[in-house]
Amino acid sequence: MSLLKSQNILFLFAIAFSYSLVVVPCLAEDWKQIFLEAHNEARHEVGVDPLVWGDEVAAFASSYANKRISDCAMVHSNGPFGENIAWSGGDMSAEDAAEMWIDEKKYYDNNRNTCNDPKDGTCLHYTQVVWNTTVRLGCAKVACNSGGTFITCNYDPPGNYIGEKPY
């Protein structure tokens, strides 16, 4: 292959690569913003500082979500961050996942620091969303081989410490 031809191919590859770096993150930014807005609205309601997007936290979330593609199993990563996970048999939006976790607020009694869910007593997804010392959020979504959706959001530093109130 001539030097000129190989330079042209390399140049076209560089343009295509640069274009993908510009276009793809814009789409991802919208998705990130949806998660941040939902979380930060819930945090604002209880007087907690807003979260910022954490690239390291998001990379962990993405890596773990990719491990769930084959089975979409509702299994926590047991990683170094706080974590909320969601699953749907079809497509699930960022809004749907965040709303599901935040809707647990109705079961949380801040005065007694207890959950009053008649089914299983949990509101830990909600308390992780509003945990006052958490500052970074990273989320990921994958379409599973089964046709379902797996979403995970990770929180740094983690929350939900026994005996401590989230706010």
N, C-alpha and C. Protein backbone atom coordinates (compact mmCIF):
# COMPACT_ATOMS: atom_id res chain seq x y z
N MET A 1 0.85 -1.17 0.00
CA MET A 1 0.00 0.00 0.00
C MET A 1 0.90 1.23 0.00
N SER A 2 0.54 2.20 -0.79
CA SER A 2 1.37 3.41 -0.88
C SER A 2 1.24 4.22 0.41
N LEU A 3 2.25 5.01 0.66
CA LEU A 3 2.27 5.85 1.85
C LEU A 3 1.11 6.84 1.83
N LEU A 4 0.83 7.42 0.66
CA LEU A 4 -0.26 8.40 0.56
C LEU A 4 -1.60 7.74 0.84
N LYS A 5 -1.81 6.54 0.28
CA LYS A 5 -3.07 5.83 0.50
C LYS A 5 -3.23 5.46 1.98
N SER A 6 -2.19 4.98 2.62
CA SER A 6 -2.28 4.61 4.03
C SER A 6 -2.50 5.85 4.90
N GLN A 7 -1.93 6.99 4.53
CA GLN A 7 -2.16 8.23 5.28
C GLN A 7 -3.62 8.67 5.13
N ASN A 8 -4.18 8.52 3.91
CA ASN A 8 -5.58 8.88 3.71
C ASN A 8 -6.51 7.99 4.53
N ILE A 9 -6.21 6.71 4.57
CA ILE A 9 -7.03 5.80 5.36
C ILE A 9 -6.92 6.16 6.84
N LEU A 10 -5.72 6.42 7.30
CA LEU A 10 -5.51 6.81 8.69
C LEU A 10 -6.25 8.11 8.99
N PHE A 11 -6.20 9.07 8.06
CA PHE A 11 -6.89 10.34 8.23
C PHE A 11 -8.40 10.13 8.34
N LEU A 12 -8.97 9.29 7.45
CA LEU A 12 -10.40 9.02 7.50
C LEU A 12 -10.78 8.31 8.80
N PHE A 13 -9.94 7.40 9.27
CA PHE A 13 -10.18 6.73 10.53
C PHE A 13 -10.17 7.74 11.68
N ALA A 14 -9.22 8.67 11.65
CA ALA A 14 -9.13 9.69 12.70
C ALA A 14 -10.37 10.57 12.70
N ILE A 15 -10.87 10.93 11.52
CA ILE A 15 -12.08 11.74 11.46
C ILE A 15 -13.26 10.96 12.02
N ALA A 16 -13.41 9.72 11.61
CA ALA A 16 -14.52 8.89 12.11
C ALA A 16 -14.41 8.71 13.62
N PHE A 17 -13.22 8.47 14.12
CA PHE A 17 -13.01 8.30 15.56
C PHE A 17 -13.34 9.58 16.29
N SER A 18 -12.87 10.72 15.77
CA SER A 18 -13.15 12.01 16.40
C SER A 18 -14.65 12.29 16.40
N TYR A 19 -15.32 11.97 15.31
CA TYR A 19 -16.75 12.19 15.22
C TYR A 19 -17.48 11.35 16.27
N SER A 20 -17.07 10.11 16.45
CA SER A 20 -17.73 9.27 17.44
C SER A 20 -17.50 9.80 18.84
N LEU A 21 -16.35 10.38 19.09
CA LEU A 21 -16.09 10.95 20.41
C LEU A 21 -16.98 12.16 20.67
N VAL A 22 -17.33 12.88 19.62
CA VAL A 22 -18.19 14.04 19.78
C VAL A 22 -19.64 13.62 19.91
N VAL A 23 -20.10 12.71 19.08
CA VAL A 23 -21.51 12.36 19.04
C VAL A 23 -21.91 11.48 20.22
N VAL A 24 -21.20 10.41 20.47
CA VAL A 24 -21.61 9.45 21.50
C VAL A 24 -21.69 10.07 22.89
N PRO A 25 -20.66 10.84 23.33
CA PRO A 25 -20.78 11.42 24.66
C PRO A 25 -21.97 12.37 24.81
N CYS A 26 -22.39 13.03 23.73
CA CYS A 26 -23.55 13.91 23.83
C CYS A 26 -24.78 13.11 24.22
N LEU A 27 -24.95 11.95 23.60
CA LEU A 27 -26.07 11.10 23.95
C LEU A 27 -25.91 10.61 25.39
N ALA A 28 -24.72 10.22 25.76
CA ALA A 28 -24.46 9.74 27.10
C ALA A 28 -24.68 10.85 28.13
N GLU A 29 -24.32 12.08 27.78
CA GLU A 29 -24.51 13.21 28.69
C GLU A 29 -26.00 13.38 29.02
N ASP A 30 -26.87 13.22 28.03
CA ASP A 30 -28.31 13.33 28.28
C ASP A 30 -28.75 12.26 29.28
N TRP A 31 -28.26 11.06 29.08
CA TRP A 31 -28.62 9.94 29.94
C TRP A 31 -28.10 10.17 31.36
N LYS A 32 -26.86 10.62 31.47
CA LYS A 32 -26.29 10.94 32.78
C LYS A 32 -27.12 12.01 33.47
N GLN A 33 -27.48 13.02 32.72
CA GLN A 33 -28.23 14.15 33.27
C GLN A 33 -29.58 13.70 33.82
N ILE A 34 -30.21 12.77 33.15
CA ILE A 34 -31.51 12.26 33.62
C ILE A 34 -31.34 11.62 35.00
N PHE A 35 -30.31 10.78 35.15
CA PHE A 35 -30.07 10.16 36.45
C PHE A 35 -29.73 11.21 37.51
N LEU A 36 -28.84 12.13 37.16
CA LEU A 36 -28.46 13.16 38.13
C LEU A 36 -29.65 14.00 38.56
N GLU A 37 -30.47 14.42 37.61
CA GLU A 37 -31.62 15.26 37.95
C GLU A 37 -32.59 14.54 38.87
N ALA A 38 -32.88 13.29 38.58
CA ALA A 38 -33.81 12.53 39.43
C ALA A 38 -33.25 12.38 40.84
N HIS A 39 -31.99 12.01 40.94
CA HIS A 39 -31.36 11.86 42.26
C HIS A 39 -31.31 13.20 42.99
N ASN A 40 -30.90 14.23 42.29
CA ASN A 40 -30.71 15.52 42.96
C ASN A 40 -32.02 16.18 43.35
N GLU A 41 -33.08 15.90 42.62
CA GLU A 41 -34.40 16.41 43.03
C GLU A 41 -34.80 15.77 44.36
N ALA A 42 -34.61 14.46 44.49
CA ALA A 42 -34.93 13.77 45.75
C ALA A 42 -34.05 14.28 46.88
N ARG A 43 -32.79 14.54 46.58
CA ARG A 43 -31.87 15.04 47.60
C ARG A 43 -32.24 16.46 48.02
N HIS A 44 -32.63 17.28 47.06
CA HIS A 44 -33.02 18.66 47.35
C HIS A 44 -34.23 18.69 48.29
N GLU A 45 -35.17 17.78 48.08
CA GLU A 45 -36.38 17.72 48.91
C GLU A 45 -36.07 17.52 50.39
N VAL A 46 -34.94 16.91 50.70
CA VAL A 46 -34.59 16.67 52.11
C VAL A 46 -33.37 17.49 52.54
N GLY A 47 -32.98 18.46 51.72
CA GLY A 47 -31.90 19.38 52.10
C GLY A 47 -30.50 18.82 52.01
N VAL A 48 -30.29 17.87 51.11
CA VAL A 48 -28.97 17.25 50.95
C VAL A 48 -28.31 17.80 49.68
N ASP A 49 -27.00 18.02 49.74
CA ASP A 49 -26.25 18.55 48.59
C ASP A 49 -26.40 17.65 47.37
N PRO A 50 -26.36 18.25 46.17
CA PRO A 50 -26.50 17.47 44.95
C PRO A 50 -25.29 16.57 44.69
N LEU A 51 -25.53 15.52 43.93
CA LEU A 51 -24.47 14.62 43.48
C LEU A 51 -23.87 15.16 42.19
N VAL A 52 -22.64 14.75 41.91
CA VAL A 52 -22.00 15.02 40.62
C VAL A 52 -21.71 13.67 39.98
N TRP A 53 -21.54 13.68 38.66
CA TRP A 53 -21.22 12.45 37.95
C TRP A 53 -19.77 12.09 38.22
N GLY A 54 -19.52 10.84 38.58
CA GLY A 54 -18.18 10.35 38.82
C GLY A 54 -17.78 9.37 37.74
N ASP A 55 -16.80 9.72 36.92
CA ASP A 55 -16.40 8.85 35.82
C ASP A 55 -15.88 7.50 36.32
N GLU A 56 -15.14 7.49 37.42
CA GLU A 56 -14.62 6.23 37.96
C GLU A 56 -15.78 5.36 38.45
N VAL A 57 -16.75 5.99 39.09
CA VAL A 57 -17.91 5.27 39.60
C VAL A 57 -18.73 4.72 38.43
N ALA A 58 -18.89 5.53 37.39
CA ALA A 58 -19.63 5.11 36.19
C ALA A 58 -18.91 3.97 35.48
N ALA A 59 -17.59 4.01 35.44
CA ALA A 59 -16.82 2.93 34.80
C ALA A 59 -17.04 1.62 35.55
N PHE A 60 -17.08 1.69 36.87
CA PHE A 60 -17.35 0.48 37.65
C PHE A 60 -18.76 -0.03 37.35
N ALA A 61 -19.74 0.89 37.32
CA ALA A 61 -21.13 0.51 37.03
C ALA A 61 -21.22 -0.15 35.65
N SER A 62 -20.56 0.43 34.67
CA SER A 62 -20.58 -0.11 33.32
C SER A 62 -19.96 -1.50 33.26
N SER A 63 -18.83 -1.66 33.91
CA SER A 63 -18.17 -2.96 33.93
C SER A 63 -19.06 -4.02 34.55
N TYR A 64 -19.71 -3.67 35.65
CA TYR A 64 -20.57 -4.64 36.31
C TYR A 64 -21.83 -4.93 35.48
N ALA A 65 -22.43 -3.89 34.92
CA ALA A 65 -23.64 -4.09 34.11
C ALA A 65 -23.34 -5.02 32.94
N ASN A 66 -22.18 -4.88 32.34
CA ASN A 66 -21.81 -5.75 31.22
C ASN A 66 -21.71 -7.22 31.63
N LYS A 67 -21.43 -7.48 32.90
CA LYS A 67 -21.39 -8.86 33.40
C LYS A 67 -22.79 -9.45 33.54
N ARG A 68 -23.81 -8.60 33.55
CA ARG A 68 -25.19 -9.05 33.73
C ARG A 68 -25.91 -9.25 32.40
N ILE A 69 -25.26 -8.96 31.27
CA ILE A 69 -25.92 -9.06 29.97
C ILE A 69 -26.45 -10.46 29.70
N SER A 70 -25.71 -11.47 30.07
CA SER A 70 -26.12 -12.84 29.73
C SER A 70 -27.32 -13.32 30.53
N ASP A 71 -27.49 -12.84 31.77
CA ASP A 71 -28.57 -13.38 32.60
C ASP A 71 -29.50 -12.34 33.22
N CYS A 72 -29.12 -11.08 33.21
CA CYS A 72 -29.95 -10.01 33.78
C CYS A 72 -30.28 -10.28 35.25
N ALA A 73 -29.44 -11.04 35.93
CA ALA A 73 -29.72 -11.42 37.31
C ALA A 73 -29.65 -10.22 38.25
N MET A 74 -30.59 -10.19 39.18
CA MET A 74 -30.64 -9.14 40.19
C MET A 74 -29.67 -9.50 41.32
N VAL A 75 -28.40 -9.35 41.02
CA VAL A 75 -27.33 -9.68 41.96
C VAL A 75 -26.47 -8.44 42.13
N HIS A 76 -26.22 -8.07 43.37
CA HIS A 76 -25.36 -6.91 43.63
C HIS A 76 -23.90 -7.26 43.36
N SER A 77 -23.14 -6.25 43.01
CA SER A 77 -21.73 -6.45 42.67
C SER A 77 -20.85 -6.69 43.88
N ASN A 78 -21.29 -6.22 45.05
CA ASN A 78 -20.47 -6.27 46.27
C ASN A 78 -19.16 -5.53 46.07
N GLY A 79 -19.21 -4.47 45.28
CA GLY A 79 -18.03 -3.66 45.00
C GLY A 79 -17.79 -2.61 46.07
N PRO A 80 -16.91 -1.68 45.79
CA PRO A 80 -16.50 -0.68 46.78
C PRO A 80 -17.48 0.48 46.95
N PHE A 81 -18.53 0.53 46.15
CA PHE A 81 -19.46 1.65 46.17
C PHE A 81 -20.83 1.21 46.67
N GLY A 82 -21.64 2.19 47.07
CA GLY A 82 -23.04 1.91 47.32
C GLY A 82 -23.68 1.55 45.99
N GLU A 83 -24.81 0.86 46.01
CA GLU A 83 -25.36 0.39 44.74
C GLU A 83 -26.87 0.20 44.81
N ASN A 84 -27.54 0.64 43.77
CA ASN A 84 -28.94 0.30 43.52
C ASN A 84 -28.99 -0.39 42.16
N ILE A 85 -29.77 -1.47 42.08
CA ILE A 85 -29.92 -2.16 40.80
C ILE A 85 -31.41 -2.28 40.47
N ALA A 86 -31.67 -2.39 39.18
CA ALA A 86 -33.05 -2.54 38.71
C ALA A 86 -33.06 -3.47 37.50
N TRP A 87 -34.18 -4.14 37.32
CA TRP A 87 -34.35 -5.04 36.19
C TRP A 87 -35.76 -4.88 35.64
N SER A 88 -35.88 -5.03 34.35
CA SER A 88 -37.17 -5.04 33.68
C SER A 88 -37.16 -6.11 32.60
N GLY A 89 -38.29 -6.74 32.37
CA GLY A 89 -38.41 -7.73 31.32
C GLY A 89 -38.37 -7.12 29.93
N GLY A 90 -38.58 -5.82 29.85
CA GLY A 90 -38.50 -5.08 28.59
C GLY A 90 -37.50 -3.95 28.74
N ASP A 91 -37.77 -2.86 28.06
CA ASP A 91 -36.89 -1.70 28.19
C ASP A 91 -37.25 -0.95 29.46
N MET A 92 -36.26 -0.40 30.11
CA MET A 92 -36.47 0.43 31.30
C MET A 92 -35.66 1.70 31.11
N SER A 93 -36.30 2.82 31.36
CA SER A 93 -35.61 4.10 31.21
C SER A 93 -34.89 4.48 32.50
N ALA A 94 -34.01 5.45 32.39
CA ALA A 94 -33.33 5.99 33.56
C ALA A 94 -34.35 6.55 34.54
N GLU A 95 -35.36 7.23 34.01
CA GLU A 95 -36.40 7.81 34.87
C GLU A 95 -37.15 6.72 35.64
N ASP A 96 -37.48 5.62 34.95
CA ASP A 96 -38.21 4.53 35.59
C ASP A 96 -37.41 3.93 36.74
N ALA A 97 -36.14 3.69 36.51
CA ALA A 97 -35.31 3.08 37.56
C ALA A 97 -35.18 4.03 38.76
N ALA A 98 -34.84 5.29 38.49
CA ALA A 98 -34.68 6.24 39.59
C ALA A 98 -36.00 6.43 40.34
N GLU A 99 -37.10 6.51 39.62
CA GLU A 99 -38.41 6.69 40.25
C GLU A 99 -38.75 5.50 41.14
N MET A 100 -38.42 4.31 40.70
CA MET A 100 -38.70 3.11 41.49
C MET A 100 -37.98 3.18 42.84
N TRP A 101 -36.70 3.59 42.81
CA TRP A 101 -35.92 3.68 44.05
C TRP A 101 -36.43 4.83 44.93
N ILE A 102 -36.69 5.96 44.32
CA ILE A 102 -37.11 7.15 45.08
C ILE A 102 -38.51 6.98 45.65
N ASP A 103 -39.36 6.22 45.00
CA ASP A 103 -40.72 5.97 45.49
C ASP A 103 -40.73 5.26 46.85
N GLU A 104 -39.62 4.67 47.23
CA GLU A 104 -39.54 4.03 48.54
C GLU A 104 -39.56 5.06 49.67
N LYS A 105 -39.47 6.32 49.35
CA LYS A 105 -39.50 7.39 50.36
C LYS A 105 -40.74 7.25 51.24
N LYS A 106 -41.85 6.84 50.66
CA LYS A 106 -43.10 6.73 51.42
C LYS A 106 -43.00 5.71 52.55
N TYR A 107 -42.02 4.83 52.49
CA TYR A 107 -41.83 3.84 53.55
C TYR A 107 -40.80 4.25 54.59
N TYR A 108 -40.10 5.35 54.36
CA TYR A 108 -39.02 5.75 55.27
C TYR A 108 -39.54 6.72 56.33
N ASP A 109 -39.28 6.42 57.59
CA ASP A 109 -39.62 7.28 58.72
C ASP A 109 -38.31 7.84 59.27
N ASN A 110 -38.02 9.09 58.94
CA ASN A 110 -36.75 9.71 59.35
C ASN A 110 -36.69 9.92 60.86
N ASN A 111 -37.82 10.17 61.50
CA ASN A 111 -37.80 10.37 62.95
C ASN A 111 -37.32 9.12 63.69
N ARG A 112 -37.76 7.97 63.22
CA ARG A 112 -37.36 6.71 63.86
C ARG A 112 -36.24 6.01 63.10
N ASN A 113 -35.88 6.54 61.93
CA ASN A 113 -34.85 5.94 61.07
C ASN A 113 -35.18 4.48 60.77
N THR A 114 -36.43 4.26 60.33
CA THR A 114 -36.88 2.91 60.03
C THR A 114 -37.64 2.89 58.71
N CYS A 115 -37.75 1.69 58.16
CA CYS A 115 -38.55 1.46 56.96
C CYS A 115 -39.86 0.82 57.37
N ASN A 116 -40.95 1.29 56.78
CA ASN A 116 -42.27 0.78 57.12
C ASN A 116 -42.95 0.15 55.93
N ASP A 117 -42.20 -0.54 55.11
CA ASP A 117 -42.77 -1.21 53.94
C ASP A 117 -43.46 -2.48 54.43
N PRO A 118 -44.76 -2.59 54.20
CA PRO A 118 -45.47 -3.77 54.70
C PRO A 118 -45.02 -5.08 54.06
N LYS A 119 -44.40 -5.03 52.87
CA LYS A 119 -43.99 -6.25 52.19
C LYS A 119 -42.69 -6.80 52.76
N ASP A 120 -41.65 -5.98 52.74
CA ASP A 120 -40.36 -6.52 53.18
C ASP A 120 -39.54 -5.55 54.02
N GLY A 121 -40.13 -4.44 54.42
CA GLY A 121 -39.45 -3.53 55.33
C GLY A 121 -38.31 -2.73 54.74
N THR A 122 -38.20 -2.69 53.42
CA THR A 122 -37.05 -2.03 52.84
C THR A 122 -37.37 -0.65 52.28
N CYS A 123 -36.43 0.22 52.44
CA CYS A 123 -36.43 1.53 51.79
C CYS A 123 -34.99 1.92 51.53
N LEU A 124 -34.13 0.92 51.50
CA LEU A 124 -32.69 1.16 51.39
C LEU A 124 -32.27 1.73 50.04
N HIS A 125 -33.06 1.50 48.99
CA HIS A 125 -32.74 2.13 47.70
C HIS A 125 -32.89 3.64 47.85
N TYR A 126 -34.00 4.06 48.46
CA TYR A 126 -34.24 5.49 48.67
C TYR A 126 -33.18 6.10 49.57
N THR A 127 -32.88 5.46 50.69
CA THR A 127 -31.90 6.06 51.61
C THR A 127 -30.52 6.17 50.97
N GLN A 128 -30.17 5.24 50.07
CA GLN A 128 -28.90 5.38 49.37
C GLN A 128 -28.93 6.60 48.44
N VAL A 129 -30.04 6.82 47.76
CA VAL A 129 -30.17 7.98 46.86
C VAL A 129 -29.92 9.27 47.63
N VAL A 130 -30.44 9.38 48.86
CA VAL A 130 -30.37 10.65 49.60
C VAL A 130 -29.29 10.66 50.69
N TRP A 131 -28.42 9.66 50.71
CA TRP A 131 -27.40 9.58 51.77
C TRP A 131 -26.54 10.84 51.73
N ASN A 132 -26.47 11.55 52.87
CA ASN A 132 -25.89 12.90 52.89
C ASN A 132 -24.40 12.98 52.64
N THR A 133 -23.65 11.92 52.84
CA THR A 133 -22.20 12.00 52.60
C THR A 133 -21.79 11.51 51.22
N THR A 134 -22.74 10.99 50.47
CA THR A 134 -22.45 10.55 49.11
C THR A 134 -22.32 11.78 48.22
N VAL A 135 -21.30 11.81 47.36
CA VAL A 135 -21.08 12.98 46.50
C VAL A 135 -21.02 12.64 45.01
N ARG A 136 -20.72 11.39 44.66
CA ARG A 136 -20.57 11.01 43.24
C ARG A 136 -21.52 9.88 42.87
N LEU A 137 -22.03 9.98 41.65
CA LEU A 137 -22.95 9.00 41.11
C LEU A 137 -22.42 8.49 39.77
N GLY A 138 -22.58 7.21 39.51
CA GLY A 138 -22.25 6.63 38.22
C GLY A 138 -23.23 5.52 37.93
N CYS A 139 -23.82 5.53 36.75
CA CYS A 139 -24.86 4.55 36.41
C CYS A 139 -24.56 3.91 35.06
N ALA A 140 -25.17 2.76 34.83
CA ALA A 140 -25.03 2.07 33.55
C ALA A 140 -26.29 1.28 33.27
N LYS A 141 -26.55 1.09 31.99
CA LYS A 141 -27.73 0.34 31.54
C LYS A 141 -27.30 -0.59 30.43
N VAL A 142 -27.77 -1.83 30.48
CA VAL A 142 -27.50 -2.78 29.40
C VAL A 142 -28.78 -3.48 29.00
N ALA A 143 -28.86 -3.82 27.73
CA ALA A 143 -29.92 -4.69 27.22
C ALA A 143 -29.42 -6.11 27.36
N CYS A 144 -30.18 -6.92 28.04
CA CYS A 144 -29.77 -8.30 28.31
C CYS A 144 -30.13 -9.21 27.15
N ASN A 145 -29.44 -10.33 27.05
CA ASN A 145 -29.71 -11.30 26.00
C ASN A 145 -31.15 -11.80 26.03
N SER A 146 -31.77 -11.76 27.20
CA SER A 146 -33.15 -12.21 27.37
C SER A 146 -34.16 -11.20 26.83
N GLY A 147 -33.68 -10.02 26.46
CA GLY A 147 -34.56 -8.97 26.01
C GLY A 147 -34.88 -7.98 27.11
N GLY A 148 -34.47 -8.26 28.31
CA GLY A 148 -34.71 -7.37 29.44
C GLY A 148 -33.66 -6.28 29.54
N THR A 149 -33.77 -5.51 30.59
CA THR A 149 -32.86 -4.40 30.85
C THR A 149 -32.32 -4.52 32.27
N PHE A 150 -31.03 -4.27 32.43
CA PHE A 150 -30.40 -4.22 33.75
C PHE A 150 -29.80 -2.84 33.92
N ILE A 151 -30.10 -2.19 35.03
CA ILE A 151 -29.57 -0.86 35.34
C ILE A 151 -28.92 -0.91 36.70
N THR A 152 -27.77 -0.29 36.81
CA THR A 152 -27.13 -0.15 38.10
C THR A 152 -26.65 1.28 38.27
N CYS A 153 -26.83 1.80 39.48
CA CYS A 153 -26.25 3.08 39.86
C CYS A 153 -25.37 2.82 41.07
N ASN A 154 -24.20 3.41 41.04
CA ASN A 154 -23.26 3.27 42.14
C ASN A 154 -23.01 4.64 42.76
N TYR A 155 -22.71 4.62 44.06
CA TYR A 155 -22.64 5.83 44.87
C TYR A 155 -21.33 5.86 45.64
N ASP A 156 -20.65 7.02 45.59
CA ASP A 156 -19.36 7.17 46.25
C ASP A 156 -19.34 8.45 47.06
N PRO A 157 -19.00 8.36 48.32
CA PRO A 157 -18.85 7.15 49.12
C PRO A 157 -20.22 6.51 49.36
N PRO A 158 -20.21 5.23 49.71
CA PRO A 158 -21.47 4.52 49.92
C PRO A 158 -22.20 5.02 51.16
N GLY A 159 -23.45 4.61 51.29
CA GLY A 159 -24.26 4.97 52.46
C GLY A 159 -24.87 3.73 53.07
N ASN A 160 -26.02 3.95 53.71
CA ASN A 160 -26.78 2.88 54.35
C ASN A 160 -26.01 2.18 55.46
N TYR A 161 -25.46 2.97 56.37
CA TYR A 161 -24.78 2.41 57.53
C TYR A 161 -25.79 2.19 58.65
N ILE A 162 -25.80 1.01 59.22
CA ILE A 162 -26.75 0.64 60.27
C ILE A 162 -26.65 1.64 61.42
N GLY A 163 -27.81 2.13 61.82
CA GLY A 163 -27.89 3.05 62.96
C GLY A 163 -27.70 4.51 62.60
N GLU A 164 -27.26 4.81 61.36
CA GLU A 164 -27.06 6.19 60.93
C GLU A 164 -28.23 6.63 60.06
N LYS A 165 -28.62 7.90 60.22
CA LYS A 165 -29.68 8.47 59.38
C LYS A 165 -29.07 8.96 58.08
N PRO A 166 -29.84 8.87 56.99
CA PRO A 166 -29.31 9.31 55.70
C PRO A 166 -29.17 10.82 55.58
N TYR A 167 -29.97 11.57 56.32
CA TYR A 167 -29.91 13.04 56.28
C TYR A 167 -30.34 13.62 57.60
